[in-house]
Amino acid sequence: MDVTRRTFLAGTTLTPFTGRATGRAPEPFALGVASGDPAPGGVVLWTRLAPHPLAEDGRGGVPDRDVTVEWQVAEDERFRRVARAGRATARPSAAHSVHVEVDGLRPGAEYFYRFRADGHLSPAGRTRTAPAPGALAPLTFGAVSCADYERGYFTAYRRLAERHPDLVVHLGDYLYEDAAGDDEAVPVVRRHTPGKCLTLADYRRRHAQYRTDADLRAAHAAAPWAVIWDDHEVENNWAGSVPGTKVPGFPARKRAAIRAYYEHMPLRPSAFRRDGRITLTRRLEWGGTAALHLLDTRQFRSDQPCGDGLRAGCDDRLDTRRALLGPAQLRWLEAGLRGSRARWNILAQQVFLAQRDLRLGPGREMALDGWDGYAAERDRLTRALTRSRAANPVVLTGDVHVAHACDLLADFDDPSSARVGVELVATSVSSDGDGYHDPAENAAVRAENPHIALIDQRRGFLLGRAGADGLRAEFHTLPHVTRRGAASSVAAAFTVPDGARSLSGSSR
């Protein structure tokens, strides 16, 4: 029996290194497999051993011992042409996760991978390497953000997996650290592990709970991922060393969240530092087609101005000392943009970049956790985009649970000012429940913000294709997520021509 992409999505397993399907649930691979950060010669492979994912101690039901994990990478779905193989050690200190850096693979090639441990075989995953430097191979990418387990099913992940992207970019809020009460306005369709995540065991259990979702596992198995976090992986609206809530013990909570995040993501081992911090700022190259600049707008920011939230009349947001990326990360970004020879420079980051006035009529009201709360830092970024002369800047954003498409202006107070790039904002996978679409309300907000071309409050994902002549961005939406199995459809699509630095060719 051939093992096709459809079997990846169905979760079929294989007998030990033969290619014959068994149809039984994999143990101890209940959390699935993943790959990430593709390079021309290799990729990162991930799994975590957890036969009992929700064990209260956060250890996943694995004994307190090292476990040898075998891995294989093959050129074919039946694993007849094995390209690379080896062993890794899953240690109790890392929750029995493994992060394997595979090299020596062919550039721009599709591969399949799997693991074996204690006589059990994992599901197979599909991955691919980046094209050779300079090669103008098109890039099809998905962008997703904000998946709240309690608020809906992860159908958007499944529908994205079915599109067979080359790469999935996760823009943050991979999980939510809190748990809903019984009087919530948005329906709770399935329950989190109890309470707010406070300890390492709490965060490990919450990550494991999310990974038990079959739709999420399917998306990880379908393509390599490039991940960055936002706030809920640690705590809502945290900023640098400042907590987002008044719950005591934030430094220890942050350290626990960082460790658990690394343990569950297909990141290179170098991302997790010896001092307990994590490095998510990095750059991936897709041949000569795209440079993906992955940014961190949480670890280096100043506290939000004016007490955070949606505010009018907050002059502190204009303070030139306020940082969001921070000086070192901004310098790194500008240097990378200046040296980039890619046709498309894609900036993956977390929070809304374009100016967004949410008060209809006179005056302004802005969400201060995003770049509107850090206006001088936004000016520094847009100047860096202009000075660098980097080709075709495209910013990918998550966080706000609403799809947007925007032109980025040199001066948002002057609608006729130069266009410096575009921003594509992915809606949520499930956060805020089913969502809605109100064309009249959206038209009124767009009238206040003429650089915004699209607003859509439904759930879904963004699918982009970058090529030599242009970038096409499709906004896929779902009619509901509080019930399983919704079909997706393209609510809007935009073409960004090479050299335009502006949205054009829109269709809905």
Protein backbone atom coordinates (compact mmCIF):
# COMPACT_ATOMS: atom_id res chain seq x y z
CA MET A 1 0.00 0.00 0.00
CA ASP A 2 1.46 3.39 -0.99
CA VAL A 3 1.74 6.03 1.71
CA THR A 4 0.41 9.21 0.13
CA ARG A 5 -0.01 12.79 1.38
CA ARG A 6 -3.58 11.85 2.24
CA THR A 7 -2.31 9.31 4.78
CA PHE A 8 -0.25 12.07 6.43
CA LEU A 9 -3.45 14.03 6.97
CA ALA A 10 -5.25 10.93 8.25
CA GLY A 11 -2.48 10.08 10.69
CA THR A 12 -1.70 6.56 9.38
CA THR A 13 1.42 4.96 10.90
CA LEU A 14 4.00 2.60 9.51
CA THR A 15 5.45 -0.67 10.74
CA PRO A 16 9.12 -0.42 11.73
CA PHE A 17 11.07 0.96 8.77
CA THR A 18 9.20 -1.01 6.10
CA GLY A 19 6.47 1.22 4.68
CA ARG A 20 3.53 -1.06 5.45
CA ALA A 21 0.57 0.66 7.15
CA THR A 22 -0.59 -0.69 10.51
CA GLY A 23 -3.54 1.64 11.15
CA ARG A 24 -3.00 1.63 14.93
CA ALA A 25 -2.43 4.71 17.03
CA PRO A 26 1.26 5.55 17.41
CA GLU A 27 2.80 5.24 20.86
CA PRO A 28 4.69 7.09 22.26
CA PHE A 29 4.27 9.56 19.35
CA ALA A 30 0.85 10.90 20.32
CA LEU A 31 2.06 14.48 19.74
CA GLY A 32 3.06 13.80 16.16
CA VAL A 33 6.11 15.02 14.26
CA ALA A 34 7.26 18.33 12.82
CA SER A 35 10.01 19.93 10.81
CA GLY A 36 11.21 23.50 10.60
CA ASP A 37 13.67 26.19 9.51
CA PRO A 38 14.54 24.70 6.10
CA ALA A 39 17.95 25.46 4.61
CA PRO A 40 19.34 24.51 1.18
CA GLY A 41 21.02 21.40 2.58
CA GLY A 42 18.85 20.45 5.50
CA VAL A 43 16.04 20.95 7.96
CA VAL A 44 15.21 20.52 11.66
CA LEU A 45 13.17 17.45 12.67
CA TRP A 46 11.15 17.39 15.88
CA THR A 47 9.17 14.98 17.98
CA ARG A 48 8.41 14.49 21.67
CA LEU A 49 7.81 11.17 23.37
CA ALA A 50 4.59 11.39 25.38
CA PRO A 51 2.48 8.22 25.68
CA HIS A 52 0.36 10.02 28.28
CA PRO A 53 0.40 13.63 27.06
CA LEU A 54 -1.63 15.13 29.92
CA ALA A 55 0.19 13.47 32.81
CA GLU A 56 -0.02 15.90 35.72
CA ASP A 57 3.74 16.14 36.22
CA GLY A 58 4.17 17.39 32.65
CA ARG A 59 6.53 14.55 31.73
CA GLY A 60 4.17 12.87 29.30
CA GLY A 61 4.25 9.47 30.96
CA VAL A 62 7.85 8.65 30.01
CA PRO A 63 10.09 7.16 32.72
CA ASP A 64 12.88 9.31 34.12
CA ARG A 65 15.57 8.01 31.76
CA ASP A 66 17.23 8.83 28.48
CA VAL A 67 15.57 7.24 25.44
CA THR A 68 17.29 6.59 22.12
CA VAL A 69 15.24 7.83 19.17
CA GLU A 70 16.08 6.69 15.65
CA TRP A 71 15.22 8.90 12.70
CA GLN A 72 15.08 8.52 8.93
CA VAL A 73 14.80 10.95 6.03
CA ALA A 74 13.84 9.46 2.66
CA GLU A 75 13.33 10.68 -0.88
CA ASP A 76 10.12 8.70 -1.29
CA GLU A 77 6.94 8.22 0.71
CA ARG A 78 7.57 4.48 1.20
CA PHE A 79 11.07 5.05 2.62
CA ARG A 80 12.75 2.87 0.01
CA ARG A 81 15.37 5.52 -0.78
CA VAL A 82 16.69 6.62 2.59
CA ALA A 83 18.84 9.74 2.26
CA ARG A 84 19.88 10.23 5.88
CA ALA A 85 19.41 8.34 9.13
CA GLY A 86 20.70 8.55 12.65
CA ARG A 87 19.98 8.54 16.36
CA ALA A 88 19.14 11.22 18.90
CA THR A 89 18.70 11.12 22.66
CA ALA A 90 15.42 12.18 24.23
CA ARG A 91 16.25 13.39 27.74
CA PRO A 92 13.98 13.94 30.74
CA SER A 93 15.35 17.48 31.16
CA ALA A 94 13.88 18.39 27.74
CA ALA A 95 10.55 16.57 28.32
CA HIS A 96 11.86 13.81 26.02
CA SER A 97 11.76 16.09 22.98
CA VAL A 98 14.33 15.84 20.21
CA HIS A 99 15.52 18.49 17.77
CA VAL A 100 17.53 16.87 14.98
CA GLU A 101 19.49 19.09 12.59
CA VAL A 102 19.72 17.12 9.36
CA ASP A 103 22.19 18.21 6.69
CA GLY A 104 23.60 16.79 3.46
CA LEU A 105 20.25 16.91 1.64
CA ARG A 106 19.62 18.20 -1.88
CA PRO A 107 18.49 21.82 -2.23
CA GLY A 108 14.91 22.47 -3.25
CA ALA A 109 13.82 18.87 -2.73
CA GLU A 110 10.88 17.12 -1.08
CA TYR A 111 11.62 14.58 1.65
CA PHE A 112 9.76 12.35 4.08
CA TYR A 113 10.80 11.58 7.64
CA ARG A 114 9.86 9.49 10.66
CA PHE A 115 11.10 8.36 14.07
CA ARG A 116 11.28 5.12 16.05
CA ALA A 117 11.63 4.67 19.81
CA ASP A 118 11.10 1.71 22.16
CA GLY A 119 9.75 -0.41 19.32
CA HIS A 120 7.17 2.14 18.18
CA LEU A 121 7.15 4.00 14.87
CA SER A 122 5.97 7.57 14.46
CA PRO A 123 3.67 8.92 11.76
CA ALA A 124 5.52 10.08 8.67
CA GLY A 125 5.95 13.75 7.87
CA ARG A 126 6.63 15.62 4.65
CA THR A 127 9.24 18.35 4.51
CA ARG A 128 11.38 20.13 1.96
CA THR A 129 14.69 21.93 1.77
CA ALA A 130 15.13 25.49 0.59
CA PRO A 131 16.28 26.04 -2.99
CA ALA A 132 19.95 26.64 -3.78
CA PRO A 133 21.18 30.21 -3.20
CA GLY A 134 20.07 32.46 -6.03
CA ALA A 135 17.57 30.01 -7.51
CA LEU A 136 14.30 31.71 -8.47
CA ALA A 137 11.99 28.90 -7.38
CA PRO A 138 8.52 30.09 -6.34
CA LEU A 139 7.54 29.93 -2.69
CA THR A 140 4.05 28.93 -1.56
CA PHE A 141 3.62 29.75 2.10
CA GLY A 142 0.86 29.69 4.67
CA ALA A 143 0.58 32.20 7.51
CA VAL A 144 -1.39 31.40 10.66
CA SER A 145 -1.81 32.82 14.15
CA CYS A 146 -3.90 32.74 17.31
CA ALA A 147 -5.23 29.24 17.93
CA ASP A 148 -7.31 29.09 21.11
CA TYR A 149 -8.16 25.47 21.92
CA GLU A 150 -11.18 26.45 24.01
CA ARG A 151 -12.78 28.76 21.44
CA GLY A 152 -12.92 26.48 18.44
CA TYR A 153 -11.61 23.59 16.42
CA PHE A 154 -8.42 23.85 14.43
CA THR A 155 -10.03 23.26 11.04
CA ALA A 156 -7.97 26.07 9.49
CA TYR A 157 -4.80 24.06 10.09
CA ARG A 158 -6.32 21.10 8.26
CA ARG A 159 -7.44 23.22 5.32
CA LEU A 160 -4.00 24.81 5.07
CA ALA A 161 -2.33 21.38 5.12
CA GLU A 162 -4.55 20.34 2.22
CA ARG A 163 -3.08 23.18 0.12
CA HIS A 164 0.41 21.57 0.37
CA PRO A 165 2.42 24.74 1.10
CA ASP A 166 6.21 24.75 0.89
CA LEU A 167 6.41 26.50 4.25
CA VAL A 168 4.09 27.43 7.12
CA VAL A 169 4.84 30.63 9.04
CA HIS A 170 3.32 30.72 12.51
CA LEU A 171 3.04 34.31 13.73
CA GLY A 172 2.36 33.66 17.39
CA ASP A 173 -0.25 32.71 19.98
CA TYR A 174 0.35 29.05 19.18
CA LEU A 175 -1.45 28.38 22.46
CA TYR A 176 -3.25 30.29 25.20
CA GLU A 177 -1.93 30.23 28.73
CA ASP A 178 -5.18 30.92 30.57
CA ALA A 179 -8.43 29.01 30.96
CA ALA A 180 -11.95 30.29 30.44
CA GLY A 181 -14.52 30.81 33.16
CA ASP A 182 -18.12 29.69 32.96
CA ASP A 183 -19.53 33.13 32.11
CA GLU A 184 -17.52 33.86 28.98
CA ALA A 185 -19.24 35.72 26.14
CA VAL A 186 -17.55 33.57 23.47
CA PRO A 187 -18.61 29.91 23.65
CA VAL A 188 -16.19 27.36 25.06
CA VAL A 189 -16.25 24.29 22.82
CA ARG A 190 -13.58 22.25 24.63
CA ARG A 191 -11.72 22.80 27.88
CA HIS A 192 -8.11 23.66 28.53
CA THR A 193 -6.11 21.82 31.14
CA PRO A 194 -7.21 23.46 34.42
CA GLY A 195 -6.24 26.98 35.40
CA LYS A 196 -3.67 29.50 34.24
CA CYS A 197 -0.24 28.16 33.29
CA LEU A 198 2.16 29.02 36.11
CA THR A 199 4.74 26.22 36.25
CA LEU A 200 6.85 24.27 33.76
CA ALA A 201 4.51 21.29 34.17
CA ASP A 202 1.53 23.54 33.38
CA TYR A 203 3.06 24.85 30.16
CA ARG A 204 4.21 21.38 29.08
CA ARG A 205 0.73 19.97 29.61
CA ARG A 206 -0.90 22.84 27.71
CA HIS A 207 1.47 22.41 24.75
CA ALA A 208 0.84 18.67 24.80
CA GLN A 209 -2.92 19.21 24.86
CA TYR A 210 -2.71 21.38 21.75
CA ARG A 211 -0.54 18.78 20.01
CA THR A 212 -3.17 16.10 20.58
CA ASP A 213 -5.35 17.95 18.06
CA ALA A 214 -5.33 15.96 14.81
CA ASP A 215 -5.71 19.05 12.58
CA LEU A 216 -2.66 20.72 14.14
CA ARG A 217 -0.63 17.52 13.79
CA ALA A 218 -1.66 17.31 10.13
CA ALA A 219 -0.41 20.84 9.44
CA HIS A 220 2.93 20.08 11.09
CA ALA A 221 3.29 16.85 9.11
CA ALA A 222 2.47 18.53 5.79
CA ALA A 223 5.32 21.06 5.54
CA PRO A 224 8.22 22.64 7.44
CA TRP A 225 7.32 25.50 9.78
CA ALA A 226 9.03 28.75 10.72
CA VAL A 227 7.76 29.82 14.14
CA ILE A 228 7.80 32.97 16.23
CA TRP A 229 5.82 33.63 19.38
CA ASP A 230 3.62 36.48 20.54
CA ASP A 231 2.29 36.99 24.06
CA HIS A 232 0.03 34.06 24.98
CA GLU A 233 2.84 31.53 24.81
CA VAL A 234 3.94 33.23 28.05
CA GLU A 235 1.22 35.60 29.29
CA ASN A 236 -1.23 38.04 27.73
CA ASN A 237 0.41 41.34 26.68
CA TRP A 238 3.72 40.80 28.46
CA ALA A 239 6.47 43.23 27.48
CA GLY A 240 10.15 42.48 28.03
CA SER A 241 10.56 42.00 31.77
CA VAL A 242 7.11 43.43 32.56
CA PRO A 243 4.25 40.97 33.17
CA GLY A 244 0.89 41.35 31.50
CA THR A 245 -1.03 40.52 34.67
CA LYS A 246 -0.69 41.15 38.40
CA VAL A 247 -0.08 37.47 39.17
CA PRO A 248 3.23 37.33 41.09
CA GLY A 249 6.23 35.28 39.98
CA PHE A 250 6.54 36.45 36.37
CA PRO A 251 10.32 35.80 35.94
CA ALA A 252 9.94 32.12 36.87
CA ARG A 253 6.76 31.84 34.78
CA LYS A 254 8.54 33.32 31.78
CA ARG A 255 11.49 30.93 32.13
CA ALA A 256 9.11 27.97 32.29
CA ALA A 257 7.16 29.18 29.25
CA ILE A 258 10.35 29.66 27.22
CA ARG A 259 11.58 26.16 28.01
CA ALA A 260 8.24 24.54 27.19
CA TYR A 261 7.91 26.54 23.95
CA TYR A 262 11.33 25.37 22.76
CA GLU A 263 10.57 21.78 23.75
CA HIS A 264 7.51 21.73 21.50
CA MET A 265 8.70 23.69 18.44
CA PRO A 266 10.83 22.56 15.45
CA LEU A 267 13.60 25.01 16.32
CA ARG A 268 17.35 24.52 16.07
CA PRO A 269 19.01 23.63 19.40
CA SER A 270 20.94 26.90 19.25
CA ALA A 271 17.65 28.80 19.71
CA PHE A 272 17.48 27.75 23.38
CA ARG A 273 20.26 29.49 25.28
CA ARG A 274 22.11 28.26 28.34
CA ASP A 275 20.83 31.20 30.36
CA GLY A 276 17.24 30.02 29.78
CA ARG A 277 16.43 32.63 27.16
CA ILE A 278 15.39 31.97 23.58
CA THR A 279 16.53 33.46 20.26
CA LEU A 280 13.73 33.67 17.72
CA THR A 281 15.18 36.48 15.59
CA ARG A 282 16.64 34.77 12.53
CA ARG A 283 16.64 34.77 8.74
CA LEU A 284 15.66 32.02 6.28
CA GLU A 285 16.49 32.20 2.57
CA TRP A 286 14.31 30.66 -0.15
CA GLY A 287 16.83 30.74 -2.99
CA GLY A 288 16.80 34.10 -4.74
CA THR A 289 13.03 34.38 -4.43
CA ALA A 290 12.51 35.32 -0.78
CA ALA A 291 14.31 36.23 2.40
CA LEU A 292 12.21 35.60 5.49
CA HIS A 293 13.20 37.90 8.35
CA LEU A 294 11.70 36.51 11.58
CA LEU A 295 11.28 39.13 14.31
CA ASP A 296 10.52 39.16 18.04
CA THR A 297 8.35 42.04 19.26
CA ARG A 298 7.98 40.74 22.84
CA GLN A 299 11.38 40.20 24.45
CA PHE A 300 12.90 43.61 23.75
CA ARG A 301 9.98 46.03 23.98
CA SER A 302 9.19 48.79 26.43
CA ASP A 303 6.05 48.43 28.50
CA GLN A 304 2.87 49.48 26.68
CA PRO A 305 1.98 53.17 27.14
CA CYS A 306 -1.02 54.56 29.00
CA GLY A 307 -1.83 51.31 30.77
CA ASP A 308 -2.19 49.32 27.52
CA GLY A 309 -5.47 48.51 25.80
CA LEU A 310 -7.56 50.59 23.38
CA ARG A 311 -7.01 54.26 24.23
CA ALA A 312 -7.68 57.74 22.91
CA GLY A 313 -5.36 60.69 23.50
CA CYS A 314 -2.28 58.77 24.61
CA ASP A 315 0.65 61.13 23.94
CA ASP A 316 3.11 58.70 25.55
CA ARG A 317 2.80 56.47 22.52
CA LEU A 318 4.78 59.12 20.57
CA ASP A 319 7.78 59.06 22.94
CA THR A 320 10.90 58.53 20.81
CA ARG A 321 12.49 56.42 23.56
CA ARG A 322 9.86 53.73 23.27
CA ALA A 323 11.17 50.48 21.72
CA LEU A 324 9.38 47.51 20.22
CA LEU A 325 12.11 45.64 18.33
CA GLY A 326 14.87 47.28 20.33
CA PRO A 327 18.07 48.83 18.90
CA ALA A 328 20.06 45.62 18.38
CA GLN A 329 17.27 43.78 16.57
CA LEU A 330 16.50 46.82 14.42
CA ARG A 331 20.17 47.09 13.40
CA TRP A 332 20.22 43.37 12.59
CA LEU A 333 17.13 43.76 10.44
CA GLU A 334 18.40 46.79 8.54
CA ALA A 335 21.74 45.10 7.85
CA GLY A 336 19.95 42.02 6.56
CA LEU A 337 17.65 44.08 4.35
CA ARG A 338 20.58 46.06 3.00
CA GLY A 339 22.45 42.88 2.10
CA SER A 340 19.46 41.02 0.72
CA ARG A 341 19.43 40.06 -2.95
CA ALA A 342 16.08 38.32 -2.71
CA ARG A 343 13.19 39.31 -4.95
CA TRP A 344 10.84 39.43 -1.91
CA ASN A 345 11.76 40.46 1.62
CA ILE A 346 9.16 39.02 3.97
CA LEU A 347 9.12 40.30 7.54
CA ALA A 348 7.32 37.91 9.88
CA GLN A 349 6.29 39.64 13.10
CA GLN A 350 3.49 39.64 15.60
CA VAL A 351 1.51 42.86 16.08
CA PHE A 352 -0.35 45.29 13.80
CA LEU A 353 2.14 47.56 12.02
CA ALA A 354 0.05 49.99 9.95
CA GLN A 355 -1.67 52.87 11.73
CA ARG A 356 -5.21 51.85 12.70
CA ASP A 357 -7.66 54.43 14.03
CA LEU A 358 -10.63 52.59 15.49
CA ARG A 359 -12.67 55.68 16.39
CA LEU A 360 -15.13 56.71 13.69
CA GLY A 361 -15.19 60.48 13.27
CA PRO A 362 -13.04 63.11 15.06
CA GLY A 363 -10.23 62.00 17.33
CA ARG A 364 -8.25 58.79 17.42
CA GLU A 365 -8.49 55.57 19.35
CA MET A 366 -5.71 53.04 18.98
CA ALA A 367 -4.68 49.62 20.29
CA LEU A 368 -1.48 50.28 22.22
CA ASP A 369 -0.06 46.76 22.31
CA GLY A 370 0.66 47.08 18.57
CA TRP A 371 2.95 49.46 16.68
CA ASP A 372 0.49 52.33 17.26
CA GLY A 373 1.75 52.28 20.85
CA TYR A 374 5.31 52.66 19.56
CA ALA A 375 4.95 55.24 16.79
CA ALA A 376 8.58 56.41 16.79
CA GLU A 377 9.80 52.83 16.52
CA ARG A 378 7.47 52.33 13.56
CA ASP A 379 9.02 55.38 11.90
CA ARG A 380 12.46 53.88 12.49
CA LEU A 381 11.33 50.64 10.84
CA THR A 382 9.76 52.28 7.79
CA ARG A 383 12.88 54.42 7.33
CA ALA A 384 14.98 51.25 7.51
CA LEU A 385 12.84 49.68 4.80
CA THR A 386 13.38 52.72 2.59
CA ARG A 387 17.10 53.22 3.29
CA SER A 388 17.96 49.57 2.75
CA ARG A 389 16.61 49.56 -0.82
CA ALA A 390 15.55 45.97 -0.18
CA ALA A 391 13.23 44.68 -2.89
CA ASN A 392 9.53 44.23 -2.25
CA PRO A 393 9.03 44.41 1.53
CA VAL A 394 6.02 42.37 2.68
CA VAL A 395 5.11 42.25 6.38
CA LEU A 396 3.23 39.26 7.80
CA THR A 397 1.29 39.93 11.00
CA GLY A 398 -1.03 38.05 13.36
CA ASP A 399 -2.42 38.90 16.82
CA VAL A 400 -5.64 40.83 16.11
CA HIS A 401 -7.93 37.93 15.04
CA VAL A 402 -9.02 39.88 11.98
CA ALA A 403 -7.67 39.59 8.43
CA HIS A 404 -6.33 42.83 6.96
CA ALA A 405 -4.45 43.90 3.85
CA CYS A 406 -2.70 47.28 4.08
CA ASP A 407 -0.33 49.58 2.30
CA LEU A 408 2.50 50.79 4.51
CA LEU A 409 3.06 54.53 4.19
CA ALA A 410 6.09 56.66 4.90
CA ASP A 411 3.68 58.99 6.77
CA PHE A 412 0.31 57.58 7.80
CA ASP A 413 -1.00 61.10 8.43
CA ASP A 414 -0.50 61.86 4.74
CA PRO A 415 -2.44 59.37 2.58
CA SER A 416 -0.52 60.54 -0.49
CA SER A 417 2.90 59.76 1.02
CA ALA A 418 5.20 57.14 -0.45
CA ARG A 419 4.31 53.46 -0.22
CA VAL A 420 7.14 51.56 1.48
CA GLY A 421 5.67 48.05 1.47
CA VAL A 422 2.55 46.04 2.22
CA GLU A 423 1.21 44.34 5.33
CA LEU A 424 -0.78 41.11 5.23
CA VAL A 425 -2.51 40.27 8.51
CA ALA A 426 -3.64 36.70 9.10
CA THR A 427 -6.85 36.22 11.03
CA SER A 428 -7.03 33.73 13.89
CA VAL A 429 -7.25 29.97 13.57
CA SER A 430 -9.93 29.83 16.28
CA SER A 431 -9.53 32.69 18.78
CA ASP A 432 -12.78 34.61 19.41
CA GLY A 433 -14.88 31.77 18.07
CA ASP A 434 -16.71 31.78 14.76
CA GLY A 435 -16.20 35.43 13.90
CA TYR A 436 -18.41 37.39 11.52
CA HIS A 437 -18.32 39.59 8.45
CA ASP A 438 -19.90 43.05 8.47
CA PRO A 439 -19.17 44.92 5.20
CA ALA A 440 -20.79 48.16 6.39
CA GLU A 441 -18.81 48.30 9.63
CA ASN A 442 -15.60 47.40 7.81
CA ALA A 443 -16.16 50.06 5.17
CA ALA A 444 -16.52 52.69 7.89
CA VAL A 445 -13.21 51.66 9.50
CA ARG A 446 -11.52 51.63 6.10
CA ALA A 447 -12.79 55.15 5.44
CA GLU A 448 -10.92 56.27 8.58
CA ASN A 449 -7.85 54.34 7.40
CA PRO A 450 -7.67 54.58 3.60
CA HIS A 451 -4.42 52.59 3.46
CA ILE A 452 -6.36 49.49 4.65
CA ALA A 453 -7.83 47.56 1.72
CA LEU A 454 -9.38 44.59 3.52
CA ILE A 455 -10.98 43.80 6.89
CA ASP A 456 -12.56 40.40 7.60
CA GLN A 457 -13.40 39.05 11.07
CA ARG A 458 -13.87 35.41 10.06
CA ARG A 459 -11.44 32.63 11.01
CA GLY A 460 -8.97 31.11 8.57
CA PHE A 461 -5.46 31.45 7.18
CA LEU A 462 -3.39 33.32 4.64
CA LEU A 463 -1.91 31.56 1.61
CA GLY A 464 0.77 33.37 -0.38
CA ARG A 465 2.74 32.58 -3.50
CA ALA A 466 5.86 34.60 -4.24
CA GLY A 467 7.42 34.37 -7.68
CA ALA A 468 9.55 36.29 -10.12
CA ASP A 469 6.78 38.67 -11.27
CA GLY A 470 4.64 39.15 -8.19
CA LEU A 471 3.17 37.89 -4.95
CA ARG A 472 -0.40 36.67 -4.70
CA ALA A 473 -2.03 36.65 -1.27
CA GLU A 474 -5.26 34.73 -0.68
CA PHE A 475 -7.31 35.19 2.48
CA HIS A 476 -9.05 31.89 3.21
CA THR A 477 -11.98 31.99 5.65
CA LEU A 478 -14.19 29.47 7.41
CA PRO A 479 -17.93 29.87 8.12
CA HIS A 480 -17.53 28.42 11.62
CA VAL A 481 -15.00 26.84 14.01
CA THR A 482 -17.31 25.97 16.91
CA ARG A 483 -18.25 22.88 14.89
CA ARG A 484 -15.82 20.59 13.14
CA GLY A 485 -15.22 20.14 9.45
CA ALA A 486 -16.00 23.52 7.85
CA ALA A 487 -14.92 24.07 4.28
CA SER A 488 -12.72 27.06 3.50
CA SER A 489 -13.11 29.56 0.69
CA VAL A 490 -11.11 32.49 -0.64
CA ALA A 491 -12.74 35.65 0.73
CA ALA A 492 -10.30 38.03 -0.96
CA ALA A 493 -7.07 37.94 -2.93
CA PHE A 494 -4.48 40.57 -3.75
CA THR A 495 -1.59 40.70 -6.18
CA VAL A 496 1.54 42.67 -5.31
CA PRO A 497 3.48 43.22 -8.54
CA ASP A 498 7.26 43.07 -8.44
CA GLY A 499 8.53 46.57 -7.62
CA ALA A 500 5.15 48.05 -6.73
CA ARG A 501 5.46 48.15 -2.89
CA SER A 502 1.69 48.47 -2.87
CA LEU A 503 -1.42 46.33 -3.08
CA SER A 504 -3.04 46.10 -6.46
CA GLY A 505 -5.10 43.73 -8.54
CA SER A 506 -7.46 42.95 -5.67
CA SER A 507 -10.37 40.58 -6.09
CA ARG A 508 -13.17 39.43 -3.74
